Amino acid sequence: MNSHTQRGKKMEIWYDENSRSLQNTGVSYLPEVCAAIIQLQRQRKQLAEVDKLINRCVVIQQKINKNHRRALVGL
């Protein structure tokens, strides 16, 4: 999909905001734009993974806090 051609030539790639993916259409963007879009897509995926890890940590911390309160009540 990101078939990089000679520098400065336009590429037949379009960014579909709904599916958040690059689609082959008649719309042309410069290779630099396509490269930036692809990079942003990768970063979005990485951020989604970080969000998942943060959410997991929050759940674990909540469980620790809950168990800690139980332990304090038992003292």
Protein backbone atom coordinates (compact mmCIF):
# COMPACT_ATOMS: atom_id res chain seq x y z
CA MET A 1 0.00 0.00 0.00
CA ASN A 2 2.81 2.43 0.77
CA SER A 3 4.75 1.75 -2.41
CA HIS A 4 7.33 4.51 -2.18
CA THR A 5 8.21 5.80 -5.62
CA GLN A 6 10.65 8.46 -6.67
CA ARG A 7 10.91 11.36 -4.26
CA GLY A 8 8.44 14.12 -5.07
CA LYS A 9 6.06 11.93 -7.06
CA LYS A 10 2.52 11.73 -5.80
CA MET A 11 1.18 8.48 -4.39
CA GLU A 12 -2.31 7.09 -4.91
CA ILE A 13 -3.08 6.65 -1.23
CA TRP A 14 -5.89 8.09 0.86
CA TYR A 15 -6.33 8.11 4.61
CA ASP A 16 -9.78 6.89 5.64
CA GLU A 17 -10.62 8.55 8.96
CA ASN A 18 -13.55 6.18 9.60
CA SER A 19 -11.56 2.96 9.35
CA ARG A 20 -8.35 4.76 10.32
CA SER A 21 -6.44 3.13 7.50
CA LEU A 22 -4.81 4.03 4.24
CA GLN A 23 -6.88 3.16 1.19
CA ASN A 24 -5.99 3.04 -2.49
CA THR A 25 -8.15 5.64 -4.21
CA GLY A 26 -7.79 8.33 -6.80
CA VAL A 27 -6.69 10.85 -4.17
CA SER A 28 -2.97 11.57 -4.25
CA TYR A 29 -0.72 12.67 -1.42
CA LEU A 30 2.99 13.38 -1.50
CA PRO A 31 5.18 10.55 -0.16
CA GLU A 32 6.10 12.69 2.84
CA VAL A 33 2.44 13.01 3.77
CA CYS A 34 1.87 9.28 3.38
CA ALA A 35 4.93 8.52 5.48
CA ALA A 36 3.69 10.89 8.20
CA ILE A 37 0.24 9.28 8.19
CA ILE A 38 1.74 5.78 8.44
CA GLN A 39 3.97 6.93 11.30
CA LEU A 40 0.99 8.44 13.13
CA GLN A 41 -0.95 5.20 12.69
CA ARG A 42 1.91 3.24 14.26
CA GLN A 43 2.11 5.72 17.14
CA ARG A 44 -1.66 5.47 17.65
CA LYS A 45 -1.34 1.68 17.95
CA GLN A 46 1.55 2.07 20.41
CA LEU A 47 -0.46 4.55 22.49
CA ALA A 48 -3.39 2.14 22.54
CA GLU A 49 -1.08 -0.54 23.95
CA VAL A 50 0.21 1.90 26.58
CA ASP A 51 -3.39 2.78 27.51
CA LYS A 52 -4.16 -0.92 28.00
CA LEU A 53 -1.14 -1.31 30.28
CA ILE A 54 -2.08 1.79 32.28
CA ASN A 55 -5.65 0.52 32.70
CA ARG A 56 -4.31 -2.83 33.86
CA CYS A 57 -2.07 -1.08 36.40
CA VAL A 58 -5.00 0.98 37.67
CA VAL A 59 -7.08 -2.17 38.21
CA ILE A 60 -4.20 -3.85 40.05
CA GLN A 61 -3.65 -0.75 42.22
CA GLN A 62 -7.36 -0.66 43.08
CA LYS A 63 -7.19 -4.32 44.16
CA ILE A 64 -4.11 -3.60 46.28
CA ASN A 65 -5.84 -0.63 47.90
CA LYS A 66 -8.93 -2.70 48.61
CA ASN A 67 -6.88 -5.52 50.15
CA HIS A 68 -4.83 -3.00 52.14
CA ARG A 69 -8.00 -1.46 53.60
CA ARG A 70 -9.24 -4.92 54.52
CA ALA A 71 -5.95 -5.67 56.22
CA LEU A 72 -6.11 -2.40 58.19
CA VAL A 73 -9.65 -3.16 59.32
CA GLY A 74 -8.48 -6.54 60.54
CA LEU A 75 -5.80 -5.01 62.80
